[in-house]
Amino acid sequence: MLPDSMGRETPTETTPVQPHMDRNVGGFDRILRVVLGIALLLFGYRNRDRTVGTLAFVAGSDIFATAIIQRCPLNAVFGIDTCSE
């Protein structure tokens, strides 16, 4: 234990971080999400003055983000894993 700025003892051990954070999106699923996400982002941007454009942009950003981080909460809930490790 090391003292902090107030003189209190603080633990020196840290919690290990999982490097892969339970990936569950990969392969064809990931490629499809990237393509669909970019398509929705472009559609949303071109129609940003309409509600459907805003909704498409939000949906596209979510789908694109799940492809990039390789983690989808809905896949986790339903037990779907498309990663091949």
C-alpha atoms as a PDB file:
ATOM      1  CA  MET A   1       0.000   0.000   0.000  1.00  0.00           C
ATOM      2  CA  LEU A   2       1.106   3.513  -0.842  1.00  0.00           C
ATOM      3  CA  PRO A   3       0.021   6.776   0.802  1.00  0.00           C
ATOM      4  CA  ASP A   4      -2.083   9.135  -1.328  1.00  0.00           C
ATOM      5  CA  SER A   5      -2.042  12.958  -1.231  1.00  0.00           C
ATOM      6  CA  MET A   6      -4.130  12.948   1.981  1.00  0.00           C
ATOM      7  CA  GLY A   7      -1.786  10.481   3.724  1.00  0.00           C
ATOM      8  CA  ARG A   8      -4.215   7.548   3.474  1.00  0.00           C
ATOM      9  CA  GLU A   9      -3.022   4.132   2.451  1.00  0.00           C
ATOM     10  CA  THR A  10      -4.272   3.048  -0.973  1.00  0.00           C
ATOM     11  CA  PRO A  11      -4.023  -0.420  -2.504  1.00  0.00           C
ATOM     12  CA  THR A  12      -1.421  -0.833  -5.247  1.00  0.00           C
ATOM     13  CA  GLU A  13      -3.116  -3.730  -7.027  1.00  0.00           C
ATOM     14  CA  THR A  14      -5.350  -3.000  -9.986  1.00  0.00           C
ATOM     15  CA  THR A  15      -8.146  -5.051 -11.456  1.00  0.00           C
ATOM     16  CA  PRO A  16      -7.023  -6.804 -14.638  1.00  0.00           C
ATOM     17  CA  VAL A  17      -8.762  -5.626 -17.801  1.00  0.00           C
ATOM     18  CA  GLN A  18     -10.046  -8.179 -20.268  1.00  0.00           C
ATOM     19  CA  PRO A  19      -8.264  -7.487 -23.549  1.00  0.00           C
ATOM     20  CA  HIS A  20     -11.037  -8.849 -25.800  1.00  0.00           C
ATOM     21  CA  MET A  21     -14.126  -7.926 -23.718  1.00  0.00           C
ATOM     22  CA  ASP A  22     -16.128 -10.954 -24.883  1.00  0.00           C
ATOM     23  CA  ARG A  23     -16.237 -10.258 -28.604  1.00  0.00           C
ATOM     24  CA  ASN A  24     -19.291 -11.684 -30.315  1.00  0.00           C
ATOM     25  CA  VAL A  25     -19.287 -10.027 -33.770  1.00  0.00           C
ATOM     26  CA  GLY A  26     -16.955 -11.277 -36.461  1.00  0.00           C
ATOM     27  CA  GLY A  27     -16.568 -12.637 -39.964  1.00  0.00           C
ATOM     28  CA  PHE A  28     -19.361 -12.011 -42.450  1.00  0.00           C
ATOM     29  CA  ASP A  29     -21.547 -10.469 -39.735  1.00  0.00           C
ATOM     30  CA  ARG A  30     -18.927  -7.792 -39.099  1.00  0.00           C
ATOM     31  CA  ILE A  31     -18.484  -6.996 -42.799  1.00  0.00           C
ATOM     32  CA  LEU A  32     -22.257  -6.754 -43.240  1.00  0.00           C
ATOM     33  CA  ARG A  33     -22.519  -4.390 -40.264  1.00  0.00           C
ATOM     34  CA  VAL A  34     -19.779  -2.124 -41.646  1.00  0.00           C
ATOM     35  CA  VAL A  35     -21.445  -1.908 -45.079  1.00  0.00           C
ATOM     36  CA  LEU A  36     -24.963  -1.457 -43.671  1.00  0.00           C
ATOM     37  CA  GLY A  37     -23.755   1.033 -41.069  1.00  0.00           C
ATOM     38  CA  ILE A  38     -21.990   3.194 -43.651  1.00  0.00           C
ATOM     39  CA  ALA A  39     -25.012   3.017 -45.975  1.00  0.00           C
ATOM     40  CA  LEU A  40     -27.347   4.171 -43.190  1.00  0.00           C
ATOM     41  CA  LEU A  41     -24.924   6.908 -42.144  1.00  0.00           C
ATOM     42  CA  LEU A  42     -24.776   8.238 -45.701  1.00  0.00           C
ATOM     43  CA  PHE A  43     -28.545   8.021 -46.135  1.00  0.00           C
ATOM     44  CA  GLY A  44     -29.058   9.749 -42.815  1.00  0.00           C
ATOM     45  CA  TYR A  45     -26.615  12.511 -43.653  1.00  0.00           C
ATOM     46  CA  ARG A  46     -28.184  13.170 -47.059  1.00  0.00           C
ATOM     47  CA  ASN A  47     -31.659  13.317 -45.469  1.00  0.00           C
ATOM     48  CA  ARG A  48     -30.663  15.046 -42.230  1.00  0.00           C
ATOM     49  CA  ASP A  49     -33.485  17.587 -42.491  1.00  0.00           C
ATOM     50  CA  ARG A  50     -36.105  14.818 -42.180  1.00  0.00           C
ATOM     51  CA  THR A  51     -36.902  12.577 -39.232  1.00  0.00           C
ATOM     52  CA  VAL A  52     -36.182   9.410 -41.205  1.00  0.00           C
ATOM     53  CA  GLY A  53     -32.700  10.750 -41.946  1.00  0.00           C
ATOM     54  CA  THR A  54     -31.997  11.377 -38.282  1.00  0.00           C
ATOM     55  CA  LEU A  55     -33.227   7.900 -37.335  1.00  0.00           C
ATOM     56  CA  ALA A  56     -31.143   6.307 -40.103  1.00  0.00           C
ATOM     57  CA  PHE A  57     -28.043   8.195 -38.941  1.00  0.00           C
ATOM     58  CA  VAL A  58     -28.509   7.056 -35.331  1.00  0.00           C
ATOM     59  CA  ALA A  59     -29.144   3.448 -36.381  1.00  0.00           C
ATOM     60  CA  GLY A  60     -26.177   3.503 -38.758  1.00  0.00           C
ATOM     61  CA  SER A  61     -23.837   4.831 -36.108  1.00  0.00           C
ATOM     62  CA  ASP A  62     -24.921   2.097 -33.688  1.00  0.00           C
ATOM     63  CA  ILE A  63     -24.526  -0.674 -36.266  1.00  0.00           C
ATOM     64  CA  PHE A  64     -21.155   0.683 -37.395  1.00  0.00           C
ATOM     65  CA  ALA A  65     -19.938   0.978 -33.790  1.00  0.00           C
ATOM     66  CA  THR A  66     -20.850  -2.644 -33.007  1.00  0.00           C
ATOM     67  CA  ALA A  67     -18.832  -3.728 -36.053  1.00  0.00           C
ATOM     68  CA  ILE A  68     -15.799  -1.700 -34.977  1.00  0.00           C
ATOM     69  CA  ILE A  69     -15.756  -2.813 -31.328  1.00  0.00           C
ATOM     70  CA  GLN A  70     -16.885  -6.358 -32.254  1.00  0.00           C
ATOM     71  CA  ARG A  71     -19.417  -6.436 -29.434  1.00  0.00           C
ATOM     72  CA  CYS A  72     -23.199  -6.405 -29.753  1.00  0.00           C
ATOM     73  CA  PRO A  73     -25.361  -6.372 -26.614  1.00  0.00           C
ATOM     74  CA  LEU A  74     -28.269  -8.055 -28.417  1.00  0.00           C
ATOM     75  CA  ASN A  75     -25.996 -10.879 -29.577  1.00  0.00           C
ATOM     76  CA  ALA A  76     -24.920 -11.321 -25.953  1.00  0.00           C
ATOM     77  CA  VAL A  77     -28.536 -11.452 -24.738  1.00  0.00           C
ATOM     78  CA  PHE A  78     -29.510 -14.069 -27.330  1.00  0.00           C
ATOM     79  CA  GLY A  79     -26.258 -16.038 -27.008  1.00  0.00           C
ATOM     80  CA  ILE A  80     -25.153 -15.398 -30.617  1.00  0.00           C
ATOM     81  CA  ASP A  81     -21.411 -15.480 -31.285  1.00  0.00           C
ATOM     82  CA  THR A  82     -20.145 -14.997 -34.849  1.00  0.00           C
ATOM     83  CA  CYS A  83     -16.458 -14.708 -33.911  1.00  0.00           C
ATOM     84  CA  SER A  84     -14.317 -17.601 -35.041  1.00  0.00           C
ATOM     85  CA  GLU A  85     -11.432 -17.940 -32.612  1.00  0.00           C
END
